[in-house]
Amino acid sequence: MRVLFDTNVVLDVLLKRAPWVTESAAVWRASDEGRITGYVLASVLTDIFYIARKQINVETARVAVRTCLEAFEICPVDRETLEQAEVLPGKDFEDNLQIAGATIASLDAIVTRNKGDFAGAKLVVLTPAELLAQLGSANPQ
């Protein structure tokens, strides 16, 4: 299964944000173990850098970006992705961009803790708990 990780799921792990870190880390681990193939949109890396730099420091932000580059496949953001995102009905352009990127890359699902943000997606949208249940890993420890 090829899965796009929403920005918040990635940040939950990188910044150890409770209470979400446990399930998000278990989904990330499933990607590390090859049970799924994890993807992030290229633009997510700039968001991660910005947020980690603001909340912690520049070096931690750089480490976070390197970690993502090692852990995930990267979906490009090009004109086609931007144009598809622009016409999606959702109110948040970042979420629309992730939907467009996952659709263009023919991914199977998006994993997010905010399913409502992806209501316009034509592909499967799962919470980390739902994805873990599908993988037979309902216990995220």
N, C-alpha and C. Protein backbone atom coordinates (compact mmCIF):
# COMPACT_ATOMS: atom_id res chain seq x y z
N MET A 1 0.85 -1.17 0.00
CA MET A 1 0.00 0.00 0.00
C MET A 1 0.90 1.24 0.00
N ARG A 2 0.61 2.15 -0.89
CA ARG A 2 1.36 3.41 -1.01
C ARG A 2 0.54 4.53 -0.38
N VAL A 3 1.11 5.16 0.66
CA VAL A 3 0.34 6.06 1.51
C VAL A 3 1.03 7.42 1.63
N LEU A 4 0.26 8.49 1.40
CA LEU A 4 0.75 9.84 1.63
C LEU A 4 0.55 10.20 3.10
N PHE A 5 1.62 10.61 3.75
CA PHE A 5 1.56 11.05 5.14
C PHE A 5 1.22 12.53 5.16
N ASP A 6 0.13 12.89 5.82
CA ASP A 6 -0.23 14.29 6.01
C ASP A 6 0.84 14.95 6.88
N THR A 7 1.01 16.23 6.69
CA THR A 7 2.02 17.00 7.42
C THR A 7 1.90 16.78 8.92
N ASN A 8 0.68 16.80 9.45
CA ASN A 8 0.51 16.68 10.89
C ASN A 8 0.96 15.33 11.42
N VAL A 9 0.79 14.27 10.67
CA VAL A 9 1.23 12.95 11.12
C VAL A 9 2.75 12.93 11.23
N VAL A 10 3.41 13.51 10.25
CA VAL A 10 4.88 13.57 10.28
C VAL A 10 5.34 14.44 11.44
N LEU A 11 4.73 15.60 11.61
CA LEU A 11 5.12 16.49 12.71
C LEU A 11 4.84 15.89 14.07
N ASP A 12 3.78 15.10 14.19
CA ASP A 12 3.48 14.45 15.47
C ASP A 12 4.66 13.59 15.92
N VAL A 13 5.28 12.91 14.96
CA VAL A 13 6.42 12.05 15.28
C VAL A 13 7.67 12.90 15.53
N LEU A 14 7.98 13.77 14.60
CA LEU A 14 9.22 14.55 14.70
C LEU A 14 9.27 15.43 15.95
N LEU A 15 8.12 15.98 16.33
CA LEU A 15 8.06 16.88 17.48
C LEU A 15 7.50 16.20 18.74
N LYS A 16 7.25 14.88 18.62
CA LYS A 16 6.75 14.08 19.75
C LYS A 16 5.52 14.71 20.38
N ARG A 17 4.55 15.04 19.53
CA ARG A 17 3.35 15.74 19.99
C ARG A 17 2.33 14.74 20.56
N ALA A 18 2.08 14.89 21.84
CA ALA A 18 1.07 14.07 22.50
C ALA A 18 -0.29 14.69 22.23
N PRO A 19 -1.32 13.89 22.15
CA PRO A 19 -1.37 12.45 22.36
C PRO A 19 -1.20 11.63 21.07
N TRP A 20 -0.87 12.30 19.97
CA TRP A 20 -0.91 11.65 18.66
C TRP A 20 0.34 10.86 18.30
N VAL A 21 1.44 11.12 19.00
CA VAL A 21 2.73 10.55 18.59
C VAL A 21 2.72 9.02 18.55
N THR A 22 2.02 8.36 19.44
CA THR A 22 2.08 6.90 19.51
C THR A 22 1.56 6.26 18.23
N GLU A 23 0.35 6.63 17.81
CA GLU A 23 -0.21 6.04 16.59
C GLU A 23 0.53 6.51 15.35
N SER A 24 0.91 7.78 15.32
CA SER A 24 1.64 8.29 14.16
C SER A 24 3.00 7.60 14.02
N ALA A 25 3.67 7.39 15.14
CA ALA A 25 4.96 6.70 15.11
C ALA A 25 4.80 5.25 14.66
N ALA A 26 3.70 4.61 15.03
CA ALA A 26 3.46 3.23 14.61
C ALA A 26 3.24 3.15 13.10
N VAL A 27 2.55 4.14 12.54
CA VAL A 27 2.36 4.17 11.08
C VAL A 27 3.70 4.42 10.39
N TRP A 28 4.48 5.34 10.91
CA TRP A 28 5.82 5.62 10.35
C TRP A 28 6.66 4.33 10.40
N ARG A 29 6.59 3.62 11.53
CA ARG A 29 7.34 2.36 11.69
C ARG A 29 6.89 1.34 10.64
N ALA A 30 5.60 1.30 10.35
CA ALA A 30 5.11 0.39 9.31
C ALA A 30 5.74 0.71 7.96
N SER A 31 5.98 1.99 7.71
CA SER A 31 6.66 2.40 6.48
C SER A 31 8.13 1.97 6.53
N ASP A 32 8.79 2.21 7.66
CA ASP A 32 10.19 1.81 7.82
C ASP A 32 10.37 0.30 7.63
N GLU A 33 9.38 -0.46 8.07
CA GLU A 33 9.43 -1.92 7.99
C GLU A 33 9.04 -2.45 6.62
N GLY A 34 8.59 -1.56 5.72
CA GLY A 34 8.20 -1.98 4.38
C GLY A 34 6.79 -2.55 4.29
N ARG A 35 6.00 -2.40 5.33
CA ARG A 35 4.63 -2.89 5.30
C ARG A 35 3.74 -1.97 4.47
N ILE A 36 4.14 -0.71 4.39
CA ILE A 36 3.55 0.27 3.48
C ILE A 36 4.71 1.06 2.89
N THR A 37 4.44 1.80 1.84
CA THR A 37 5.44 2.73 1.31
C THR A 37 4.93 4.13 1.62
N GLY A 38 5.70 4.85 2.42
CA GLY A 38 5.30 6.18 2.84
C GLY A 38 5.79 7.25 1.88
N TYR A 39 4.94 8.22 1.64
CA TYR A 39 5.22 9.36 0.77
C TYR A 39 4.90 10.64 1.51
N VAL A 40 5.60 11.70 1.17
CA VAL A 40 5.22 13.06 1.55
C VAL A 40 5.33 13.92 0.31
N LEU A 41 4.58 14.99 0.31
CA LEU A 41 4.67 15.96 -0.77
C LEU A 41 5.93 16.80 -0.56
N ALA A 42 6.60 17.17 -1.63
CA ALA A 42 7.83 17.96 -1.53
C ALA A 42 7.61 19.22 -0.69
N SER A 43 6.48 19.86 -0.84
CA SER A 43 6.21 21.10 -0.10
C SER A 43 6.08 20.87 1.40
N VAL A 44 5.80 19.65 1.81
CA VAL A 44 5.70 19.35 3.23
C VAL A 44 7.04 19.57 3.92
N LEU A 45 8.13 19.33 3.20
CA LEU A 45 9.45 19.49 3.81
C LEU A 45 9.71 20.95 4.20
N THR A 46 9.23 21.89 3.38
CA THR A 46 9.41 23.29 3.76
C THR A 46 8.55 23.63 4.97
N ASP A 47 7.34 23.06 5.02
CA ASP A 47 6.47 23.29 6.19
C ASP A 47 7.11 22.73 7.46
N ILE A 48 7.65 21.52 7.35
CA ILE A 48 8.29 20.88 8.50
C ILE A 48 9.48 21.70 8.97
N PHE A 49 10.30 22.16 8.03
CA PHE A 49 11.45 22.97 8.41
C PHE A 49 10.99 24.24 9.14
N TYR A 50 10.02 24.92 8.58
CA TYR A 50 9.54 26.17 9.16
C TYR A 50 9.01 25.95 10.58
N ILE A 51 8.16 24.93 10.75
CA ILE A 51 7.54 24.69 12.05
C ILE A 51 8.58 24.23 13.07
N ALA A 52 9.45 23.30 12.69
CA ALA A 52 10.48 22.81 13.62
C ALA A 52 11.44 23.93 14.01
N ARG A 53 11.79 24.80 13.06
CA ARG A 53 12.69 25.93 13.36
C ARG A 53 12.04 26.88 14.35
N LYS A 54 10.76 27.16 14.15
CA LYS A 54 10.05 28.08 15.04
C LYS A 54 9.88 27.49 16.44
N GLN A 55 9.56 26.18 16.50
CA GLN A 55 9.27 25.57 17.79
C GLN A 55 10.51 25.11 18.54
N ILE A 56 11.58 24.78 17.80
CA ILE A 56 12.77 24.26 18.47
C ILE A 56 13.99 25.08 18.05
N ASN A 57 14.63 24.71 16.94
CA ASN A 57 15.79 25.47 16.45
C ASN A 57 16.14 25.03 15.03
N VAL A 58 17.05 25.74 14.40
CA VAL A 58 17.40 25.49 13.01
C VAL A 58 18.02 24.11 12.82
N GLU A 59 18.92 23.72 13.70
CA GLU A 59 19.57 22.41 13.52
C GLU A 59 18.56 21.28 13.63
N THR A 60 17.63 21.36 14.55
CA THR A 60 16.59 20.34 14.66
C THR A 60 15.74 20.32 13.40
N ALA A 61 15.47 21.49 12.85
CA ALA A 61 14.70 21.57 11.61
C ALA A 61 15.44 20.88 10.47
N ARG A 62 16.73 21.09 10.38
CA ARG A 62 17.54 20.43 9.34
C ARG A 62 17.53 18.91 9.51
N VAL A 63 17.66 18.47 10.75
CA VAL A 63 17.63 17.03 11.03
C VAL A 63 16.26 16.46 10.64
N ALA A 64 15.20 17.19 10.92
CA ALA A 64 13.85 16.73 10.58
C ALA A 64 13.71 16.55 9.08
N VAL A 65 14.21 17.49 8.30
CA VAL A 65 14.13 17.38 6.85
C VAL A 65 14.95 16.18 6.36
N ARG A 66 16.17 16.03 6.89
CA ARG A 66 17.00 14.87 6.49
C ARG A 66 16.31 13.56 6.84
N THR A 67 15.70 13.51 8.01
CA THR A 67 14.99 12.30 8.44
C THR A 67 13.88 11.96 7.46
N CYS A 68 13.12 12.95 7.04
CA CYS A 68 12.03 12.72 6.09
C CYS A 68 12.57 12.27 4.73
N LEU A 69 13.66 12.87 4.29
CA LEU A 69 14.25 12.47 3.01
C LEU A 69 14.72 11.02 3.04
N GLU A 70 15.17 10.56 4.18
CA GLU A 70 15.60 9.17 4.32
C GLU A 70 14.41 8.23 4.47
N ALA A 71 13.34 8.69 5.08
CA ALA A 71 12.23 7.82 5.43
C ALA A 71 11.16 7.67 4.35
N PHE A 72 10.97 8.71 3.54
CA PHE A 72 9.82 8.74 2.64
C PHE A 72 10.21 8.92 1.19
N GLU A 73 9.33 8.45 0.33
CA GLU A 73 9.38 8.81 -1.08
C GLU A 73 8.81 10.22 -1.17
N ILE A 74 9.23 10.97 -2.17
CA ILE A 74 8.80 12.36 -2.28
C ILE A 74 7.94 12.55 -3.53
N CYS A 75 6.73 13.07 -3.34
CA CYS A 75 5.85 13.42 -4.46
C CYS A 75 6.19 14.84 -4.90
N PRO A 76 6.43 15.04 -6.18
CA PRO A 76 6.79 16.39 -6.64
C PRO A 76 5.60 17.34 -6.61
N VAL A 77 5.93 18.61 -6.54
CA VAL A 77 4.93 19.67 -6.67
C VAL A 77 5.32 20.44 -7.93
N ASP A 78 4.50 20.29 -8.96
CA ASP A 78 4.77 20.98 -10.22
C ASP A 78 3.50 21.73 -10.63
N ARG A 79 3.53 22.30 -11.80
CA ARG A 79 2.39 23.09 -12.26
C ARG A 79 1.10 22.27 -12.26
N GLU A 80 1.15 21.03 -12.74
CA GLU A 80 -0.03 20.18 -12.79
C GLU A 80 -0.61 19.98 -11.39
N THR A 81 0.26 19.71 -10.43
CA THR A 81 -0.20 19.50 -9.05
C THR A 81 -0.86 20.76 -8.51
N LEU A 82 -0.23 21.90 -8.74
CA LEU A 82 -0.78 23.16 -8.27
C LEU A 82 -2.11 23.49 -8.93
N GLU A 83 -2.22 23.25 -10.22
CA GLU A 83 -3.47 23.54 -10.93
C GLU A 83 -4.59 22.61 -10.47
N GLN A 84 -4.28 21.34 -10.26
CA GLN A 84 -5.31 20.42 -9.75
C GLN A 84 -5.76 20.81 -8.35
N ALA A 85 -4.80 21.22 -7.52
CA ALA A 85 -5.14 21.62 -6.15
C ALA A 85 -6.03 22.85 -6.15
N GLU A 86 -5.75 23.76 -7.06
CA GLU A 86 -6.48 25.03 -7.11
C GLU A 86 -7.96 24.84 -7.41
N VAL A 87 -8.32 23.81 -8.16
CA VAL A 87 -9.73 23.61 -8.51
C VAL A 87 -10.47 22.67 -7.56
N LEU A 88 -9.77 22.09 -6.60
CA LEU A 88 -10.45 21.23 -5.63
C LEU A 88 -11.33 22.08 -4.71
N PRO A 89 -12.43 21.51 -4.22
CA PRO A 89 -13.38 22.31 -3.45
C PRO A 89 -12.95 22.65 -2.02
N GLY A 90 -11.96 21.97 -1.49
CA GLY A 90 -11.55 22.23 -0.11
C GLY A 90 -11.08 23.66 0.09
N LYS A 91 -11.22 24.16 1.32
CA LYS A 91 -10.88 25.55 1.63
C LYS A 91 -9.40 25.74 1.93
N ASP A 92 -8.67 24.67 2.22
CA ASP A 92 -7.26 24.79 2.59
C ASP A 92 -6.40 24.34 1.42
N PHE A 93 -5.64 25.26 0.86
CA PHE A 93 -4.83 24.96 -0.32
C PHE A 93 -3.78 23.90 -0.03
N GLU A 94 -3.19 23.92 1.15
CA GLU A 94 -2.18 22.91 1.51
C GLU A 94 -2.79 21.50 1.46
N ASP A 95 -3.98 21.33 2.03
CA ASP A 95 -4.64 20.03 2.00
C ASP A 95 -5.00 19.65 0.56
N ASN A 96 -5.50 20.61 -0.21
CA ASN A 96 -5.81 20.34 -1.62
C ASN A 96 -4.56 19.91 -2.38
N LEU A 97 -3.44 20.53 -2.07
CA LEU A 97 -2.19 20.19 -2.74
C LEU A 97 -1.78 18.76 -2.41
N GLN A 98 -1.97 18.35 -1.17
CA GLN A 98 -1.65 16.97 -0.79
C GLN A 98 -2.58 15.99 -1.50
N ILE A 99 -3.85 16.33 -1.60
CA ILE A 99 -4.80 15.47 -2.32
C ILE A 99 -4.37 15.35 -3.79
N ALA A 100 -4.08 16.48 -4.42
CA ALA A 100 -3.67 16.47 -5.83
C ALA A 100 -2.40 15.67 -6.02
N GLY A 101 -1.41 15.86 -5.16
CA GLY A 101 -0.15 15.13 -5.27
C GLY A 101 -0.34 13.64 -5.12
N ALA A 102 -1.15 13.23 -4.16
CA ALA A 102 -1.41 11.80 -3.95
C ALA A 102 -2.17 11.20 -5.12
N THR A 103 -3.10 11.97 -5.67
CA THR A 103 -3.89 11.50 -6.81
C THR A 103 -3.01 11.34 -8.05
N ILE A 104 -2.20 12.34 -8.34
CA ILE A 104 -1.32 12.28 -9.51
C ILE A 104 -0.33 11.13 -9.38
N ALA A 105 0.15 10.87 -8.18
CA ALA A 105 1.11 9.78 -7.96
C ALA A 105 0.42 8.41 -7.88
N SER A 106 -0.91 8.39 -8.01
CA SER A 106 -1.69 7.15 -7.94
C SER A 106 -1.47 6.40 -6.63
N LEU A 107 -1.42 7.16 -5.53
CA LEU A 107 -1.27 6.52 -4.23
C LEU A 107 -2.58 5.89 -3.80
N ASP A 108 -2.49 4.99 -2.84
CA ASP A 108 -3.67 4.26 -2.38
C ASP A 108 -4.46 4.98 -1.30
N ALA A 109 -3.78 5.80 -0.51
CA ALA A 109 -4.45 6.41 0.64
C ALA A 109 -3.67 7.61 1.15
N ILE A 110 -4.35 8.40 1.95
CA ILE A 110 -3.74 9.48 2.73
C ILE A 110 -3.97 9.13 4.19
N VAL A 111 -2.93 9.26 5.01
CA VAL A 111 -3.09 9.05 6.44
C VAL A 111 -2.99 10.40 7.12
N THR A 112 -4.01 10.71 7.91
CA THR A 112 -4.13 12.00 8.58
C THR A 112 -4.94 11.82 9.85
N ARG A 113 -4.74 12.72 10.79
CA ARG A 113 -5.62 12.69 11.96
C ARG A 113 -6.78 13.64 11.80
N ASN A 114 -6.84 14.33 10.67
CA ASN A 114 -7.92 15.28 10.38
C ASN A 114 -8.63 14.89 9.09
N LYS A 115 -9.39 13.81 9.12
CA LYS A 115 -10.04 13.31 7.90
C LYS A 115 -10.94 14.33 7.23
N GLY A 116 -11.57 15.19 8.01
CA GLY A 116 -12.46 16.20 7.44
C GLY A 116 -11.74 17.16 6.51
N ASP A 117 -10.45 17.35 6.73
CA ASP A 117 -9.66 18.24 5.88
C ASP A 117 -9.48 17.67 4.47
N PHE A 118 -9.75 16.40 4.31
CA PHE A 118 -9.53 15.72 3.04
C PHE A 118 -10.83 15.17 2.45
N ALA A 119 -11.93 15.82 2.80
CA ALA A 119 -13.25 15.37 2.34
C ALA A 119 -13.35 15.35 0.82
N GLY A 120 -12.62 16.20 0.12
CA GLY A 120 -12.67 16.25 -1.33
C GLY A 120 -11.83 15.20 -2.03
N ALA A 121 -11.14 14.38 -1.28
CA ALA A 121 -10.26 13.37 -1.88
C ALA A 121 -11.07 12.24 -2.49
N LYS A 122 -10.63 11.78 -3.65
CA LYS A 122 -11.28 10.64 -4.30
C LYS A 122 -10.60 9.33 -3.89
N LEU A 123 -9.50 9.42 -3.15
CA LEU A 123 -8.85 8.22 -2.66
C LEU A 123 -9.15 8.02 -1.19
N VAL A 124 -8.78 6.90 -0.66
CA VAL A 124 -9.07 6.53 0.72
C VAL A 124 -8.32 7.47 1.66
N VAL A 125 -9.01 7.93 2.70
CA VAL A 125 -8.40 8.76 3.73
C VAL A 125 -8.59 8.04 5.06
N LEU A 126 -7.49 7.78 5.75
CA LEU A 126 -7.51 7.01 6.99
C LEU A 126 -6.82 7.77 8.11
N THR A 127 -7.29 7.55 9.33
CA THR A 127 -6.53 8.02 10.48
C THR A 127 -5.40 7.02 10.72
N PRO A 128 -4.40 7.40 11.51
CA PRO A 128 -3.37 6.42 11.83
C PRO A 128 -3.96 5.15 12.46
N ALA A 129 -4.93 5.29 13.34
CA ALA A 129 -5.54 4.11 13.98
C ALA A 129 -6.22 3.22 12.94
N GLU A 130 -6.92 3.83 11.99
CA GLU A 130 -7.59 3.04 10.95
C GLU A 130 -6.58 2.31 10.06
N LEU A 131 -5.50 2.99 9.72
CA LEU A 131 -4.47 2.34 8.90
C LEU A 131 -3.82 1.20 9.67
N LEU A 132 -3.53 1.41 10.93
CA LEU A 132 -2.94 0.35 11.74
C LEU A 132 -3.87 -0.85 11.84
N ALA A 133 -5.17 -0.58 11.98
CA ALA A 133 -6.13 -1.68 12.04
C ALA A 133 -6.13 -2.47 10.73
N GLN A 134 -6.06 -1.77 9.60
CA GLN A 134 -6.00 -2.45 8.30
C GLN A 134 -4.74 -3.30 8.18
N LEU A 135 -3.66 -2.83 8.78
CA LEU A 135 -2.39 -3.56 8.72
C LEU A 135 -2.31 -4.66 9.75
N GLY A 136 -3.32 -4.74 10.61
CA GLY A 136 -3.31 -5.74 11.66
C GLY A 136 -2.42 -5.34 12.82
N SER A 137 -2.23 -4.05 13.00
CA SER A 137 -1.36 -3.53 14.07
C SER A 137 -2.12 -2.55 14.93
N ALA A 138 -3.28 -2.93 15.40
CA ALA A 138 -4.10 -2.00 16.17
C ALA A 138 -3.39 -1.55 17.45
N ASN A 139 -2.44 -2.36 17.95
CA ASN A 139 -1.67 -1.97 19.13
C ASN A 139 -0.41 -1.26 18.65
N PRO A 140 -0.34 0.09 18.77
CA PRO A 140 0.76 0.85 18.19
C PRO A 140 2.08 0.78 18.94
N GLN A 141 2.19 0.02 20.01
CA GLN A 141 3.43 -0.01 20.77
C GLN A 141 4.42 -0.81 20.00
